[in-house]
Amino acid sequence: MSDSYAQFEKRINAVADKHARLAGGYTAQVGNDGLITLVPARRRTYTRLRVFAAIVFGFFLFKSLAITLTGPLAYAGRIEAMAAGTQFEQIGAWIMQIGPVSEFLSLAMIRLFS
């Protein structure tokens, strides 16, 4: 009797494990015999890359918006004032300097809003 109980527990654990794997998403596949089986969906790790890309794009958008609103000459003057400050301000000035991407986005915003 204990052998049959052990086999039953093994089958129950297999069903529970498959259920746990399918809880993360699944796809249905039809076999050659017409049997529909559920297969766990592959995990995609693109979410971290998407979040990082969104943060970088948002940063460039913020920087180009600051350039557009203050004007390129006034913005460059503020960056020069930051570069003369503490080491933390110098790092900020280096990060916030006008680059080709932010300059392109700023010119696009000026054309769009004018």
N, C-alpha and C. Protein backbone atom coordinates (compact mmCIF):
# COMPACT_ATOMS: atom_id res chain seq x y z
N MET A 1 0.81 -1.18 0.00
CA MET A 1 0.00 0.00 0.00
C MET A 1 0.87 1.25 0.00
N SER A 2 1.99 1.23 0.69
CA SER A 2 2.82 2.42 0.73
C SER A 2 3.49 2.67 -0.62
N ASP A 3 3.72 1.59 -1.40
CA ASP A 3 4.31 1.77 -2.73
C ASP A 3 3.33 2.49 -3.66
N SER A 4 2.08 2.13 -3.59
CA SER A 4 1.08 2.80 -4.43
C SER A 4 0.89 4.25 -3.97
N TYR A 5 0.99 4.51 -2.69
CA TYR A 5 0.89 5.87 -2.18
C TYR A 5 2.08 6.70 -2.65
N ALA A 6 3.27 6.11 -2.69
CA ALA A 6 4.46 6.83 -3.16
C ALA A 6 4.32 7.19 -4.64
N GLN A 7 3.78 6.27 -5.44
CA GLN A 7 3.56 6.56 -6.85
C GLN A 7 2.52 7.67 -7.03
N PHE A 8 1.49 7.62 -6.21
CA PHE A 8 0.47 8.66 -6.26
C PHE A 8 1.06 10.02 -5.90
N GLU A 9 1.88 10.08 -4.86
CA GLU A 9 2.53 11.34 -4.46
C GLU A 9 3.45 11.85 -5.57
N LYS A 10 4.13 10.94 -6.24
CA LYS A 10 5.02 11.32 -7.33
C LYS A 10 4.23 11.95 -8.47
N ARG A 11 3.09 11.36 -8.82
CA ARG A 11 2.25 11.93 -9.88
C ARG A 11 1.67 13.28 -9.47
N ILE A 12 1.24 13.40 -8.22
CA ILE A 12 0.71 14.68 -7.71
C ILE A 12 1.78 15.76 -7.77
N ASN A 13 2.99 15.43 -7.35
CA ASN A 13 4.09 16.40 -7.39
C ASN A 13 4.42 16.81 -8.82
N ALA A 14 4.36 15.86 -9.77
CA ALA A 14 4.62 16.18 -11.17
C ALA A 14 3.57 17.14 -11.71
N VAL A 15 2.30 16.91 -11.36
CA VAL A 15 1.23 17.80 -11.80
C VAL A 15 1.40 19.18 -11.17
N ALA A 16 1.74 19.24 -9.91
CA ALA A 16 1.94 20.53 -9.23
C ALA A 16 3.12 21.29 -9.84
N ASP A 17 4.21 20.58 -10.17
CA ASP A 17 5.36 21.24 -10.79
C ASP A 17 5.01 21.80 -12.16
N LYS A 18 4.27 21.01 -12.96
CA LYS A 18 3.88 21.49 -14.28
C LYS A 18 2.94 22.68 -14.15
N HIS A 19 2.05 22.65 -13.19
CA HIS A 19 1.14 23.77 -12.96
C HIS A 19 1.91 25.03 -12.59
N ALA A 20 2.93 24.87 -11.77
CA ALA A 20 3.75 26.03 -11.38
C ALA A 20 4.48 26.60 -12.58
N ARG A 21 4.99 25.73 -13.46
CA ARG A 21 5.68 26.22 -14.66
C ARG A 21 4.71 26.91 -15.62
N LEU A 22 3.49 26.39 -15.73
CA LEU A 22 2.51 26.97 -16.64
C LEU A 22 1.92 28.28 -16.09
N ALA A 23 2.05 28.52 -14.80
CA ALA A 23 1.50 29.74 -14.20
C ALA A 23 2.18 30.99 -14.74
N GLY A 24 3.43 30.86 -15.22
CA GLY A 24 4.15 32.00 -15.77
C GLY A 24 3.80 32.30 -17.22
N GLY A 25 2.89 31.55 -17.79
CA GLY A 25 2.50 31.73 -19.19
C GLY A 25 2.74 30.43 -19.95
N TYR A 26 1.94 30.22 -20.98
CA TYR A 26 2.07 28.97 -21.72
C TYR A 26 1.60 29.17 -23.14
N THR A 27 1.96 28.24 -24.00
CA THR A 27 1.46 28.18 -25.36
C THR A 27 0.89 26.80 -25.59
N ALA A 28 -0.13 26.72 -26.40
CA ALA A 28 -0.75 25.43 -26.72
C ALA A 28 -0.18 24.93 -28.04
N GLN A 29 0.23 23.67 -28.05
CA GLN A 29 0.75 23.06 -29.26
C GLN A 29 -0.05 21.82 -29.58
N VAL A 30 -0.31 21.62 -30.87
CA VAL A 30 -1.04 20.45 -31.31
C VAL A 30 -0.03 19.46 -31.87
N GLY A 31 -0.03 18.26 -31.34
CA GLY A 31 0.89 17.24 -31.79
C GLY A 31 0.40 16.57 -33.07
N ASN A 32 1.20 15.65 -33.61
CA ASN A 32 0.83 14.93 -34.84
C ASN A 32 -0.42 14.08 -34.64
N ASP A 33 -0.64 13.65 -33.42
CA ASP A 33 -1.81 12.81 -33.14
C ASP A 33 -3.06 13.63 -32.81
N GLY A 34 -2.95 14.97 -32.85
CA GLY A 34 -4.09 15.82 -32.58
C GLY A 34 -4.25 16.19 -31.12
N LEU A 35 -3.35 15.74 -30.28
CA LEU A 35 -3.42 16.03 -28.86
C LEU A 35 -2.89 17.43 -28.59
N ILE A 36 -3.64 18.20 -27.87
CA ILE A 36 -3.23 19.57 -27.51
C ILE A 36 -2.48 19.50 -26.19
N THR A 37 -1.24 19.98 -26.20
CA THR A 37 -0.44 20.01 -24.98
C THR A 37 -0.06 21.45 -24.68
N LEU A 38 0.01 21.77 -23.41
CA LEU A 38 0.41 23.09 -22.97
C LEU A 38 1.88 23.06 -22.62
N VAL A 39 2.63 24.02 -23.18
CA VAL A 39 4.07 24.10 -22.97
C VAL A 39 4.36 25.44 -22.31
N PRO A 40 5.18 25.45 -21.26
CA PRO A 40 5.51 26.74 -20.62
C PRO A 40 6.15 27.70 -21.61
N ALA A 41 5.77 28.96 -21.56
CA ALA A 41 6.33 29.97 -22.45
C ALA A 41 7.75 30.29 -22.02
N ARG A 42 8.56 30.59 -23.01
CA ARG A 42 9.95 30.96 -22.70
C ARG A 42 9.97 32.32 -22.02
N ARG A 43 10.84 32.45 -21.08
CA ARG A 43 10.99 33.73 -20.39
C ARG A 43 11.82 34.66 -21.25
N ARG A 44 11.36 35.88 -21.36
CA ARG A 44 12.11 36.88 -22.12
C ARG A 44 12.75 37.85 -21.15
N THR A 45 13.99 38.17 -21.41
CA THR A 45 14.72 39.08 -20.53
C THR A 45 14.87 40.45 -21.15
N TYR A 46 13.97 40.78 -22.08
CA TYR A 46 14.07 42.07 -22.74
C TYR A 46 13.53 43.21 -21.91
N THR A 47 12.86 42.94 -20.82
CA THR A 47 12.26 44.02 -20.04
C THR A 47 13.33 44.92 -19.45
N ARG A 48 14.43 44.35 -18.99
CA ARG A 48 15.49 45.19 -18.44
C ARG A 48 16.09 46.09 -19.51
N LEU A 49 16.26 45.54 -20.70
CA LEU A 49 16.79 46.33 -21.80
C LEU A 49 15.83 47.43 -22.19
N ARG A 50 14.54 47.14 -22.20
CA ARG A 50 13.54 48.16 -22.52
C ARG A 50 13.52 49.27 -21.49
N VAL A 51 13.60 48.91 -20.23
CA VAL A 51 13.60 49.92 -19.17
C VAL A 51 14.85 50.79 -19.28
N PHE A 52 15.99 50.17 -19.52
CA PHE A 52 17.23 50.94 -19.67
C PHE A 52 17.14 51.88 -20.87
N ALA A 53 16.62 51.38 -22.00
CA ALA A 53 16.48 52.22 -23.19
C ALA A 53 15.51 53.37 -22.94
N ALA A 54 14.43 53.12 -22.21
CA ALA A 54 13.48 54.18 -21.89
C ALA A 54 14.11 55.24 -21.00
N ILE A 55 14.94 54.82 -20.05
CA ILE A 55 15.61 55.79 -19.17
C ILE A 55 16.59 56.64 -19.96
N VAL A 56 17.36 56.02 -20.84
CA VAL A 56 18.33 56.77 -21.66
C VAL A 56 17.59 57.74 -22.59
N PHE A 57 16.52 57.26 -23.23
CA PHE A 57 15.75 58.13 -24.11
C PHE A 57 15.13 59.29 -23.33
N GLY A 58 14.61 59.01 -22.15
CA GLY A 58 14.03 60.06 -21.31
C GLY A 58 15.07 61.09 -20.90
N PHE A 59 16.28 60.63 -20.61
CA PHE A 59 17.35 61.55 -20.25
C PHE A 59 17.68 62.48 -21.42
N PHE A 60 17.83 61.90 -22.61
CA PHE A 60 18.13 62.73 -23.78
C PHE A 60 16.98 63.67 -24.09
N LEU A 61 15.76 63.22 -23.89
CA LEU A 61 14.60 64.08 -24.11
C LEU A 61 14.59 65.24 -23.12
N PHE A 62 14.89 64.94 -21.84
CA PHE A 62 14.95 65.99 -20.82
C PHE A 62 16.04 67.00 -21.16
N LYS A 63 17.21 66.49 -21.54
CA LYS A 63 18.33 67.37 -21.85
C LYS A 63 18.03 68.25 -23.05
N SER A 64 17.43 67.68 -24.09
CA SER A 64 17.11 68.48 -25.28
C SER A 64 15.99 69.48 -24.98
N LEU A 65 15.07 69.11 -24.10
CA LEU A 65 14.02 70.06 -23.71
C LEU A 65 14.63 71.23 -22.94
N ALA A 66 15.61 70.97 -22.08
CA ALA A 66 16.29 72.04 -21.35
C ALA A 66 17.04 72.95 -22.31
N ILE A 67 17.67 72.37 -23.32
CA ILE A 67 18.38 73.18 -24.31
C ILE A 67 17.40 74.03 -25.10
N THR A 68 16.27 73.44 -25.47
CA THR A 68 15.27 74.17 -26.25
C THR A 68 14.67 75.33 -25.45
N LEU A 69 14.35 75.09 -24.19
CA LEU A 69 13.68 76.12 -23.40
C LEU A 69 14.62 77.26 -23.00
N THR A 70 15.88 76.95 -22.70
CA THR A 70 16.80 78.01 -22.27
C THR A 70 17.57 78.63 -23.42
N GLY A 71 17.63 77.95 -24.54
CA GLY A 71 18.42 78.43 -25.67
C GLY A 71 19.83 77.85 -25.60
N PRO A 72 20.43 77.55 -26.73
CA PRO A 72 21.74 76.89 -26.72
C PRO A 72 22.85 77.71 -26.05
N LEU A 73 22.85 79.02 -26.27
CA LEU A 73 23.92 79.84 -25.68
C LEU A 73 23.78 79.97 -24.16
N ALA A 74 22.56 80.21 -23.69
CA ALA A 74 22.34 80.30 -22.25
C ALA A 74 22.61 78.95 -21.58
N TYR A 75 22.23 77.86 -22.25
CA TYR A 75 22.47 76.52 -21.70
C TYR A 75 23.97 76.26 -21.60
N ALA A 76 24.72 76.63 -22.64
CA ALA A 76 26.17 76.43 -22.61
C ALA A 76 26.80 77.26 -21.50
N GLY A 77 26.28 78.47 -21.27
CA GLY A 77 26.79 79.30 -20.18
C GLY A 77 26.54 78.67 -18.82
N ARG A 78 25.39 78.07 -18.63
CA ARG A 78 25.09 77.40 -17.36
C ARG A 78 25.98 76.18 -17.16
N ILE A 79 26.24 75.46 -18.25
CA ILE A 79 27.11 74.29 -18.16
C ILE A 79 28.54 74.72 -17.82
N GLU A 80 29.00 75.83 -18.40
CA GLU A 80 30.34 76.34 -18.06
C GLU A 80 30.42 76.74 -16.60
N ALA A 81 29.35 77.32 -16.07
CA ALA A 81 29.33 77.69 -14.66
C ALA A 81 29.37 76.44 -13.78
N MET A 82 28.70 75.39 -14.21
CA MET A 82 28.75 74.13 -13.46
C MET A 82 30.14 73.51 -13.51
N ALA A 83 30.81 73.65 -14.65
CA ALA A 83 32.14 73.05 -14.81
C ALA A 83 33.17 73.71 -13.91
N ALA A 84 32.90 74.93 -13.47
CA ALA A 84 33.83 75.63 -12.59
C ALA A 84 33.56 75.31 -11.12
N GLY A 85 32.58 74.50 -10.83
CA GLY A 85 32.20 74.22 -9.45
C GLY A 85 32.93 73.03 -8.86
N THR A 86 32.28 72.37 -7.93
CA THR A 86 32.86 71.23 -7.24
C THR A 86 32.98 70.04 -8.19
N GLN A 87 33.58 68.98 -7.67
CA GLN A 87 33.77 67.80 -8.52
C GLN A 87 32.42 67.20 -8.93
N PHE A 88 31.46 67.20 -8.03
CA PHE A 88 30.12 66.70 -8.35
C PHE A 88 29.49 67.54 -9.45
N GLU A 89 29.63 68.85 -9.39
CA GLU A 89 29.09 69.74 -10.41
C GLU A 89 29.82 69.54 -11.74
N GLN A 90 31.11 69.27 -11.68
CA GLN A 90 31.87 69.03 -12.91
C GLN A 90 31.40 67.75 -13.60
N ILE A 91 31.09 66.74 -12.81
CA ILE A 91 30.56 65.50 -13.39
C ILE A 91 29.20 65.78 -14.03
N GLY A 92 28.36 66.54 -13.34
CA GLY A 92 27.06 66.92 -13.89
C GLY A 92 27.20 67.74 -15.16
N ALA A 93 28.19 68.64 -15.20
CA ALA A 93 28.41 69.44 -16.40
C ALA A 93 28.87 68.56 -17.55
N TRP A 94 29.69 67.57 -17.27
CA TRP A 94 30.15 66.67 -18.33
C TRP A 94 28.98 65.85 -18.88
N ILE A 95 28.11 65.40 -17.97
CA ILE A 95 26.96 64.60 -18.41
C ILE A 95 25.97 65.46 -19.18
N MET A 96 25.76 66.69 -18.74
CA MET A 96 24.73 67.54 -19.35
C MET A 96 25.25 68.39 -20.51
N GLN A 97 26.49 68.21 -20.93
CA GLN A 97 26.98 69.00 -22.05
C GLN A 97 26.20 68.67 -23.32
N ILE A 98 26.18 69.60 -24.25
CA ILE A 98 25.42 69.42 -25.47
C ILE A 98 26.14 68.40 -26.35
N GLY A 99 25.44 67.35 -26.67
CA GLY A 99 25.98 66.30 -27.54
C GLY A 99 25.21 66.25 -28.84
N PRO A 100 25.63 65.40 -29.76
CA PRO A 100 24.96 65.35 -31.06
C PRO A 100 23.50 64.89 -30.97
N VAL A 101 23.22 63.95 -30.09
CA VAL A 101 21.84 63.45 -29.98
C VAL A 101 20.94 64.52 -29.38
N SER A 102 21.38 65.13 -28.29
CA SER A 102 20.55 66.16 -27.66
C SER A 102 20.43 67.39 -28.55
N GLU A 103 21.47 67.70 -29.31
CA GLU A 103 21.38 68.84 -30.22
C GLU A 103 20.39 68.54 -31.35
N PHE A 104 20.41 67.33 -31.88
CA PHE A 104 19.46 66.95 -32.93
C PHE A 104 18.03 66.99 -32.40
N LEU A 105 17.81 66.44 -31.22
CA LEU A 105 16.46 66.46 -30.64
C LEU A 105 16.00 67.88 -30.33
N SER A 106 16.93 68.72 -29.88
CA SER A 106 16.58 70.11 -29.59
C SER A 106 16.18 70.86 -30.85
N LEU A 107 16.94 70.65 -31.93
CA LEU A 107 16.59 71.29 -33.20
C LEU A 107 15.25 70.78 -33.72
N ALA A 108 14.98 69.50 -33.52
CA ALA A 108 13.69 68.94 -33.93
C ALA A 108 12.55 69.54 -33.12
N MET A 109 12.78 69.76 -31.82
CA MET A 109 11.75 70.37 -30.99
C MET A 109 11.52 71.83 -31.38
N ILE A 110 12.60 72.53 -31.71
CA ILE A 110 12.44 73.92 -32.13
C ILE A 110 11.62 73.99 -33.41
N ARG A 111 11.92 73.09 -34.37
CA ARG A 111 11.14 73.08 -35.61
C ARG A 111 9.69 72.68 -35.36
N LEU A 112 9.50 71.78 -34.43
CA LEU A 112 8.14 71.28 -34.14
C LEU A 112 7.29 72.34 -33.45
N PHE A 113 7.89 73.06 -32.48
CA PHE A 113 7.12 74.02 -31.70
C PHE A 113 7.08 75.41 -32.31
N SER A 114 7.89 75.69 -33.32
CA SER A 114 7.89 77.03 -33.92
C SER A 114 6.93 77.14 -35.07
